[in-house]
Amino acid sequence: MIKIAIEVRSGAARYQGASQAENIEGALEIAKRYNPGKECKVVFPIDPEVFFVGDDLGRGGVVGKIAA
């Protein structure tokens, strides 16, 4: 499992959250599913210290809001 930061934008509003899945593409797709109609992008650079995680969520998911 991996965890990456995702930036979500809707017009002028934006926030960052984290998404966890088997791969980067899967994490981005999960973020898009939880934020329909909003633009979701991977935040670079990817933090190598938190990139690899255990299988805590089982099948992946959105971990939560990082910053407003």
N, C-alpha and C. Protein backbone atom coordinates (compact mmCIF):
# COMPACT_ATOMS: atom_id res chain seq x y z
N MET A 1 0.84 -1.18 0.00
CA MET A 1 0.00 0.00 0.00
C MET A 1 0.88 1.24 0.00
N ILE A 2 0.37 2.29 -0.65
CA ILE A 2 1.06 3.57 -0.68
C ILE A 2 0.10 4.66 -0.21
N LYS A 3 0.65 5.77 0.24
CA LYS A 3 -0.17 6.92 0.62
C LYS A 3 0.46 8.16 0.00
N ILE A 4 -0.37 8.96 -0.68
CA ILE A 4 0.11 10.19 -1.31
C ILE A 4 -0.79 11.35 -0.95
N ALA A 5 -0.23 12.56 -1.04
CA ALA A 5 -1.02 13.77 -0.84
C ALA A 5 -1.73 14.10 -2.14
N ILE A 6 -2.98 14.53 -2.03
CA ILE A 6 -3.81 14.89 -3.18
C ILE A 6 -4.30 16.32 -2.97
N GLU A 7 -4.19 17.16 -4.00
CA GLU A 7 -4.78 18.50 -3.94
C GLU A 7 -6.12 18.43 -4.65
N VAL A 8 -7.16 18.94 -3.98
CA VAL A 8 -8.51 18.96 -4.54
C VAL A 8 -8.89 20.41 -4.75
N ARG A 9 -9.35 20.74 -5.97
CA ARG A 9 -9.74 22.11 -6.30
C ARG A 9 -11.17 22.15 -6.83
N SER A 10 -11.85 23.19 -6.42
CA SER A 10 -13.19 23.48 -6.94
C SER A 10 -13.28 24.99 -7.06
N GLY A 11 -13.08 25.51 -8.27
CA GLY A 11 -13.03 26.95 -8.46
C GLY A 11 -11.81 27.52 -7.76
N ALA A 12 -12.03 28.54 -6.91
CA ALA A 12 -10.92 29.15 -6.18
C ALA A 12 -10.59 28.39 -4.90
N ALA A 13 -11.49 27.55 -4.44
CA ALA A 13 -11.27 26.79 -3.20
C ALA A 13 -10.37 25.59 -3.47
N ARG A 14 -9.48 25.30 -2.51
CA ARG A 14 -8.63 24.11 -2.64
C ARG A 14 -8.22 23.63 -1.26
N TYR A 15 -7.96 22.34 -1.17
CA TYR A 15 -7.42 21.75 0.05
C TYR A 15 -6.61 20.53 -0.31
N GLN A 16 -5.82 20.06 0.63
CA GLN A 16 -5.04 18.85 0.42
C GLN A 16 -5.53 17.77 1.36
N GLY A 17 -5.56 16.57 0.84
CA GLY A 17 -5.90 15.40 1.63
C GLY A 17 -4.93 14.29 1.26
N ALA A 18 -5.08 13.15 1.87
CA ALA A 18 -4.22 12.01 1.55
C ALA A 18 -5.10 10.87 1.07
N SER A 19 -4.58 10.09 0.17
CA SER A 19 -5.29 8.94 -0.36
C SER A 19 -4.36 7.74 -0.31
N GLN A 20 -4.93 6.59 0.01
CA GLN A 20 -4.15 5.36 0.17
C GLN A 20 -4.72 4.28 -0.73
N ALA A 21 -3.84 3.59 -1.45
CA ALA A 21 -4.27 2.52 -2.35
C ALA A 21 -3.07 1.64 -2.69
N GLU A 22 -3.28 0.72 -3.60
CA GLU A 22 -2.22 -0.19 -4.04
C GLU A 22 -1.18 0.53 -4.90
N ASN A 23 -1.59 1.61 -5.61
CA ASN A 23 -0.66 2.34 -6.46
C ASN A 23 -1.12 3.79 -6.58
N ILE A 24 -0.30 4.64 -7.20
CA ILE A 24 -0.60 6.07 -7.31
C ILE A 24 -1.87 6.29 -8.11
N GLU A 25 -2.02 5.61 -9.22
CA GLU A 25 -3.22 5.77 -10.05
C GLU A 25 -4.48 5.41 -9.27
N GLY A 26 -4.42 4.35 -8.50
CA GLY A 26 -5.56 3.93 -7.68
C GLY A 26 -5.89 4.95 -6.61
N ALA A 27 -4.86 5.53 -5.99
CA ALA A 27 -5.08 6.54 -4.96
C ALA A 27 -5.74 7.78 -5.56
N LEU A 28 -5.32 8.17 -6.75
CA LEU A 28 -5.92 9.33 -7.42
C LEU A 28 -7.37 9.04 -7.80
N GLU A 29 -7.66 7.85 -8.28
CA GLU A 29 -9.03 7.48 -8.64
C GLU A 29 -9.94 7.49 -7.41
N ILE A 30 -9.45 7.02 -6.28
CA ILE A 30 -10.24 7.05 -5.04
C ILE A 30 -10.55 8.49 -4.65
N ALA A 31 -9.55 9.37 -4.73
CA ALA A 31 -9.75 10.78 -4.40
C ALA A 31 -10.81 11.39 -5.32
N LYS A 32 -10.77 11.07 -6.60
CA LYS A 32 -11.77 11.58 -7.55
C LYS A 32 -13.16 11.07 -7.22
N ARG A 33 -13.26 9.83 -6.79
CA ARG A 33 -14.55 9.24 -6.42
C ARG A 33 -15.16 9.95 -5.21
N TYR A 34 -14.31 10.32 -4.24
CA TYR A 34 -14.78 11.01 -3.03
C TYR A 34 -15.04 12.49 -3.27
N ASN A 35 -14.57 13.03 -4.39
CA ASN A 35 -14.70 14.45 -4.71
C ASN A 35 -15.22 14.63 -6.13
N PRO A 36 -16.44 14.17 -6.41
CA PRO A 36 -16.97 14.25 -7.77
C PRO A 36 -17.09 15.71 -8.24
N GLY A 37 -16.72 15.93 -9.49
CA GLY A 37 -16.82 17.26 -10.08
C GLY A 37 -15.70 18.21 -9.70
N LYS A 38 -14.74 17.74 -8.92
CA LYS A 38 -13.63 18.58 -8.50
C LYS A 38 -12.35 18.07 -9.16
N GLU A 39 -11.39 18.96 -9.34
CA GLU A 39 -10.11 18.60 -9.92
C GLU A 39 -9.21 18.01 -8.83
N CYS A 40 -8.67 16.83 -9.06
CA CYS A 40 -7.79 16.16 -8.10
C CYS A 40 -6.43 15.92 -8.76
N LYS A 41 -5.37 16.32 -8.05
CA LYS A 41 -4.01 16.14 -8.57
C LYS A 41 -3.11 15.59 -7.48
N VAL A 42 -2.12 14.82 -7.89
CA VAL A 42 -1.09 14.33 -6.97
C VAL A 42 -0.19 15.50 -6.60
N VAL A 43 0.13 15.63 -5.31
CA VAL A 43 1.04 16.68 -4.85
C VAL A 43 2.47 16.14 -4.93
N PHE A 44 3.31 16.88 -5.65
CA PHE A 44 4.72 16.53 -5.77
C PHE A 44 5.55 17.55 -5.01
N PRO A 45 6.69 17.21 -4.48
CA PRO A 45 7.28 15.87 -4.49
C PRO A 45 6.57 14.96 -3.50
N ILE A 46 6.59 13.67 -3.79
CA ILE A 46 6.00 12.66 -2.91
C ILE A 46 6.95 12.45 -1.74
N ASP A 47 6.40 12.47 -0.54
CA ASP A 47 7.20 12.31 0.68
C ASP A 47 7.60 10.85 0.83
N PRO A 48 8.89 10.52 0.69
CA PRO A 48 9.32 9.13 0.76
C PRO A 48 9.14 8.49 2.13
N GLU A 49 9.06 9.32 3.19
CA GLU A 49 8.92 8.77 4.54
C GLU A 49 7.52 8.22 4.83
N VAL A 50 6.51 8.68 4.09
CA VAL A 50 5.15 8.20 4.33
C VAL A 50 4.56 7.49 3.10
N PHE A 51 5.34 7.34 2.04
CA PHE A 51 4.85 6.76 0.80
C PHE A 51 4.38 5.31 0.99
N PHE A 52 5.21 4.48 1.59
CA PHE A 52 4.84 3.07 1.80
C PHE A 52 4.21 2.93 3.18
N VAL A 53 3.01 2.35 3.21
CA VAL A 53 2.29 2.17 4.47
C VAL A 53 1.78 0.74 4.57
N GLY A 54 1.38 0.34 5.77
CA GLY A 54 0.77 -0.97 5.96
C GLY A 54 -0.61 -0.99 5.35
N ASP A 55 -1.25 -2.10 5.36
CA ASP A 55 -2.57 -2.29 4.77
C ASP A 55 -3.66 -1.97 5.79
N ASP A 56 -3.59 -0.80 6.44
CA ASP A 56 -4.53 -0.44 7.50
C ASP A 56 -5.97 -0.29 7.01
N LEU A 57 -6.17 0.28 5.82
CA LEU A 57 -7.53 0.49 5.34
C LEU A 57 -8.06 -0.70 4.56
N GLY A 58 -7.26 -1.71 4.37
CA GLY A 58 -7.73 -2.89 3.65
C GLY A 58 -7.74 -2.69 2.16
N ARG A 59 -8.68 -1.92 1.64
CA ARG A 59 -8.80 -1.76 0.20
C ARG A 59 -8.47 -0.36 -0.28
N GLY A 60 -7.97 0.50 0.60
CA GLY A 60 -7.61 1.85 0.20
C GLY A 60 -8.72 2.83 0.53
N GLY A 61 -8.41 4.09 0.46
CA GLY A 61 -9.41 5.10 0.71
C GLY A 61 -8.77 6.45 0.97
N VAL A 62 -9.62 7.40 1.22
CA VAL A 62 -9.16 8.75 1.52
C VAL A 62 -8.85 8.80 3.01
N VAL A 63 -7.66 9.26 3.35
CA VAL A 63 -7.21 9.25 4.73
C VAL A 63 -7.71 10.48 5.47
N GLY A 64 -7.75 11.63 4.85
CA GLY A 64 -8.26 12.82 5.53
C GLY A 64 -7.67 14.09 5.00
N LYS A 65 -8.14 15.19 5.53
CA LYS A 65 -7.70 16.51 5.10
C LYS A 65 -6.36 16.82 5.73
N ILE A 66 -5.41 17.30 4.92
CA ILE A 66 -4.09 17.67 5.40
C ILE A 66 -4.07 19.15 5.78
N ALA A 67 -4.58 20.01 4.91
CA ALA A 67 -4.58 21.44 5.21
C ALA A 67 -5.70 22.11 4.44
N ALA A 68 -6.19 23.19 4.97
CA ALA A 68 -7.26 23.94 4.28
C ALA A 68 -6.69 25.05 3.46
